[in-house]
């Protein structure tokens, strides 16, 4: 089973706020924080971007942790 973790990274002097989605196997994407969305929807967008990049399809279920969100594919 593949799990995708997402984490918010705040702005720095050179980069704006962003969300990073990672599958733990070295596959990752970074998106600019989507201010038009909020909460889980922001993290889901990053997870969806990783799925698109990797060619993965399916329905993702989400859960929250102290550091971000975790998405897994449902059957």
N, C-alpha and C. Protein backbone atom coordinates (compact mmCIF):
# COMPACT_ATOMS: atom_id res chain seq x y z
N UNK A 1 0.85 -1.18 0.00
CA UNK A 1 0.00 0.00 0.00
C UNK A 1 0.89 1.24 0.00
N UNK A 2 0.58 2.18 -0.84
CA UNK A 2 1.34 3.42 -0.96
C UNK A 2 0.71 4.48 -0.07
N UNK A 3 1.54 5.19 0.70
CA UNK A 3 1.08 6.31 1.53
C UNK A 3 1.80 7.57 1.07
N UNK A 4 1.08 8.67 1.06
CA UNK A 4 1.64 9.96 0.70
C UNK A 4 1.53 10.87 1.92
N UNK A 5 2.63 11.45 2.35
CA UNK A 5 2.59 12.40 3.45
C UNK A 5 2.76 13.81 2.88
N UNK A 6 2.08 14.76 3.50
CA UNK A 6 2.20 16.15 3.09
C UNK A 6 2.56 16.99 4.30
N UNK A 7 3.31 18.06 4.06
CA UNK A 7 3.73 18.92 5.15
C UNK A 7 3.78 20.37 4.67
N UNK A 8 3.28 21.26 5.51
CA UNK A 8 3.31 22.70 5.23
C UNK A 8 4.68 23.25 5.61
N UNK A 9 5.23 24.09 4.75
CA UNK A 9 6.48 24.80 5.04
C UNK A 9 6.20 26.29 4.89
N UNK A 10 6.45 27.03 5.95
CA UNK A 10 6.19 28.46 5.94
C UNK A 10 7.16 29.23 5.05
N UNK A 11 6.89 30.51 4.85
CA UNK A 11 7.73 31.32 3.97
C UNK A 11 9.10 31.58 4.57
N UNK A 12 10.06 31.78 3.69
CA UNK A 12 11.41 32.17 4.08
C UNK A 12 11.71 33.51 3.41
N UNK A 13 12.94 33.96 3.52
CA UNK A 13 13.31 35.21 2.85
C UNK A 13 13.31 35.08 1.34
N UNK A 14 13.43 33.84 0.84
CA UNK A 14 13.52 33.65 -0.61
C UNK A 14 12.39 32.82 -1.22
N UNK A 15 11.60 32.12 -0.39
CA UNK A 15 10.52 31.28 -0.91
C UNK A 15 9.23 31.57 -0.17
N UNK A 16 8.13 31.47 -0.90
CA UNK A 16 6.82 31.63 -0.28
C UNK A 16 6.39 30.35 0.43
N UNK A 17 5.23 30.39 1.07
CA UNK A 17 4.68 29.20 1.73
C UNK A 17 4.46 28.11 0.69
N UNK A 18 4.64 26.87 1.11
CA UNK A 18 4.50 25.76 0.18
C UNK A 18 4.10 24.49 0.93
N UNK A 19 3.67 23.51 0.17
CA UNK A 19 3.34 22.19 0.71
C UNK A 19 4.13 21.17 -0.09
N UNK A 20 4.75 20.24 0.63
CA UNK A 20 5.52 19.17 0.00
C UNK A 20 4.79 17.85 0.21
N UNK A 21 4.59 17.11 -0.88
CA UNK A 21 4.01 15.77 -0.83
C UNK A 21 5.12 14.77 -1.14
N UNK A 22 5.20 13.72 -0.33
CA UNK A 22 6.30 12.76 -0.43
C UNK A 22 5.75 11.35 -0.21
N UNK A 23 6.27 10.39 -0.98
CA UNK A 23 5.79 9.02 -0.80
C UNK A 23 6.75 8.14 -0.01
N UNK A 24 7.85 8.70 0.49
CA UNK A 24 8.81 7.93 1.28
C UNK A 24 9.80 7.15 0.45
N UNK A 25 9.62 7.09 -0.87
CA UNK A 25 10.53 6.39 -1.77
C UNK A 25 11.34 7.35 -2.63
N UNK A 26 11.36 8.63 -2.23
CA UNK A 26 12.11 9.62 -3.00
C UNK A 26 11.31 10.37 -4.04
N UNK A 27 10.05 10.02 -4.20
CA UNK A 27 9.18 10.74 -5.13
C UNK A 27 8.50 11.86 -4.37
N UNK A 28 8.60 13.09 -4.88
CA UNK A 28 7.99 14.21 -4.18
C UNK A 28 7.68 15.36 -5.13
N UNK A 29 6.75 16.17 -4.71
CA UNK A 29 6.43 17.41 -5.41
C UNK A 29 6.29 18.51 -4.37
N UNK A 30 6.59 19.72 -4.80
CA UNK A 30 6.40 20.90 -3.97
C UNK A 30 5.47 21.84 -4.73
N UNK A 31 4.42 22.30 -4.06
CA UNK A 31 3.51 23.26 -4.67
C UNK A 31 3.49 24.52 -3.83
N UNK A 32 3.26 25.65 -4.49
CA UNK A 32 3.03 26.89 -3.75
C UNK A 32 1.74 26.73 -2.96
N UNK A 33 1.70 27.33 -1.78
CA UNK A 33 0.51 27.21 -0.95
C UNK A 33 -0.69 27.78 -1.70
N UNK A 34 -1.75 26.97 -1.89
CA UNK A 34 -2.92 27.44 -2.63
C UNK A 34 -3.88 28.22 -1.71
N UNK A 35 -3.71 29.52 -1.64
CA UNK A 35 -4.49 30.34 -0.72
C UNK A 35 -5.98 30.33 -1.02
N UNK A 36 -6.37 29.91 -2.23
CA UNK A 36 -7.79 29.83 -2.55
C UNK A 36 -8.46 28.65 -1.87
N UNK A 37 -7.67 27.73 -1.32
CA UNK A 37 -8.17 26.55 -0.61
C UNK A 37 -7.85 26.70 0.88
N UNK A 38 -8.34 25.77 1.69
CA UNK A 38 -8.00 25.80 3.11
C UNK A 38 -7.95 24.38 3.67
N UNK A 39 -7.22 24.22 4.76
CA UNK A 39 -7.16 22.95 5.48
C UNK A 39 -6.72 21.78 4.63
N UNK A 40 -7.48 20.71 4.75
CA UNK A 40 -7.14 19.47 4.06
C UNK A 40 -7.08 19.64 2.55
N UNK A 41 -7.89 20.53 1.99
CA UNK A 41 -7.93 20.71 0.54
C UNK A 41 -6.57 21.15 -0.01
N UNK A 42 -5.84 21.95 0.75
CA UNK A 42 -4.50 22.38 0.33
C UNK A 42 -3.56 21.18 0.23
N UNK A 43 -3.61 20.33 1.23
CA UNK A 43 -2.75 19.16 1.26
C UNK A 43 -3.17 18.13 0.22
N UNK A 44 -4.48 18.00 0.02
CA UNK A 44 -4.97 17.07 -1.00
C UNK A 44 -4.49 17.49 -2.39
N UNK A 45 -4.45 18.79 -2.65
CA UNK A 45 -3.97 19.26 -3.95
C UNK A 45 -2.53 18.82 -4.17
N UNK A 46 -1.69 18.91 -3.14
CA UNK A 46 -0.30 18.47 -3.27
C UNK A 46 -0.23 16.96 -3.50
N UNK A 47 -1.04 16.19 -2.77
CA UNK A 47 -1.06 14.73 -2.96
C UNK A 47 -1.54 14.38 -4.36
N UNK A 48 -2.55 15.09 -4.85
CA UNK A 48 -3.04 14.86 -6.21
C UNK A 48 -1.97 15.17 -7.25
N UNK A 49 -1.20 16.21 -7.02
CA UNK A 49 -0.10 16.57 -7.94
C UNK A 49 0.93 15.45 -8.00
N UNK A 50 1.25 14.85 -6.85
CA UNK A 50 2.20 13.74 -6.83
C UNK A 50 1.62 12.54 -7.59
N UNK A 51 0.35 12.27 -7.39
CA UNK A 51 -0.30 11.17 -8.10
C UNK A 51 -0.24 11.39 -9.61
N UNK A 52 -0.49 12.61 -10.03
CA UNK A 52 -0.44 12.93 -11.46
C UNK A 52 0.97 12.73 -11.99
N UNK A 53 1.96 13.21 -11.27
CA UNK A 53 3.36 13.07 -11.69
C UNK A 53 3.74 11.61 -11.85
N UNK A 54 3.29 10.77 -10.92
CA UNK A 54 3.68 9.36 -10.92
C UNK A 54 2.74 8.47 -11.74
N UNK A 55 1.62 9.01 -12.21
CA UNK A 55 0.68 8.22 -13.00
C UNK A 55 -0.19 7.30 -12.16
N UNK A 56 -0.35 7.62 -10.88
CA UNK A 56 -1.17 6.81 -9.98
C UNK A 56 -2.61 7.25 -10.07
N UNK A 57 -3.51 6.28 -10.02
CA UNK A 57 -4.94 6.58 -10.05
C UNK A 57 -5.61 5.89 -8.88
N UNK A 58 -6.78 6.38 -8.52
CA UNK A 58 -7.53 5.80 -7.42
C UNK A 58 -8.07 6.88 -6.52
N UNK A 59 -8.77 6.46 -5.50
CA UNK A 59 -9.37 7.37 -4.54
C UNK A 59 -8.49 7.45 -3.30
N UNK A 60 -8.21 8.66 -2.87
CA UNK A 60 -7.37 8.86 -1.69
C UNK A 60 -8.23 9.15 -0.46
N UNK A 61 -7.89 8.50 0.65
CA UNK A 61 -8.48 8.80 1.95
C UNK A 61 -7.42 9.53 2.75
N UNK A 62 -7.84 10.49 3.58
CA UNK A 62 -6.88 11.33 4.30
C UNK A 62 -7.04 11.20 5.80
N UNK A 63 -5.92 11.42 6.48
CA UNK A 63 -5.90 11.51 7.93
C UNK A 63 -4.89 12.55 8.34
N UNK A 64 -5.04 13.11 9.52
CA UNK A 64 -4.20 14.20 9.98
C UNK A 64 -3.22 13.70 11.04
N UNK A 65 -1.99 14.24 11.03
CA UNK A 65 -1.00 13.97 12.07
C UNK A 65 -0.48 15.30 12.60
N UNK A 66 0.43 15.25 13.57
CA UNK A 66 1.00 16.48 14.12
C UNK A 66 1.77 17.28 13.07
N UNK A 67 2.32 16.61 12.09
CA UNK A 67 3.19 17.28 11.12
C UNK A 67 2.53 17.55 9.78
N UNK A 68 1.35 17.05 9.53
CA UNK A 68 0.69 17.26 8.25
C UNK A 68 -0.42 16.26 8.03
N UNK A 69 -0.57 15.84 6.79
CA UNK A 69 -1.60 14.87 6.43
C UNK A 69 -0.97 13.63 5.83
N UNK A 70 -1.72 12.53 5.90
CA UNK A 70 -1.31 11.27 5.27
C UNK A 70 -2.47 10.84 4.39
N UNK A 71 -2.15 10.48 3.16
CA UNK A 71 -3.15 10.02 2.20
C UNK A 71 -2.82 8.59 1.79
N UNK A 72 -3.83 7.74 1.72
CA UNK A 72 -3.66 6.36 1.25
C UNK A 72 -4.75 6.07 0.23
N UNK A 73 -4.46 5.15 -0.66
CA UNK A 73 -5.45 4.74 -1.65
C UNK A 73 -6.43 3.76 -1.03
N UNK A 74 -7.73 3.97 -1.32
CA UNK A 74 -8.74 3.05 -0.84
C UNK A 74 -9.01 2.05 -1.95
N UNK A 75 -9.53 0.90 -1.57
CA UNK A 75 -9.79 -0.13 -2.59
C UNK A 75 -11.15 0.04 -3.20
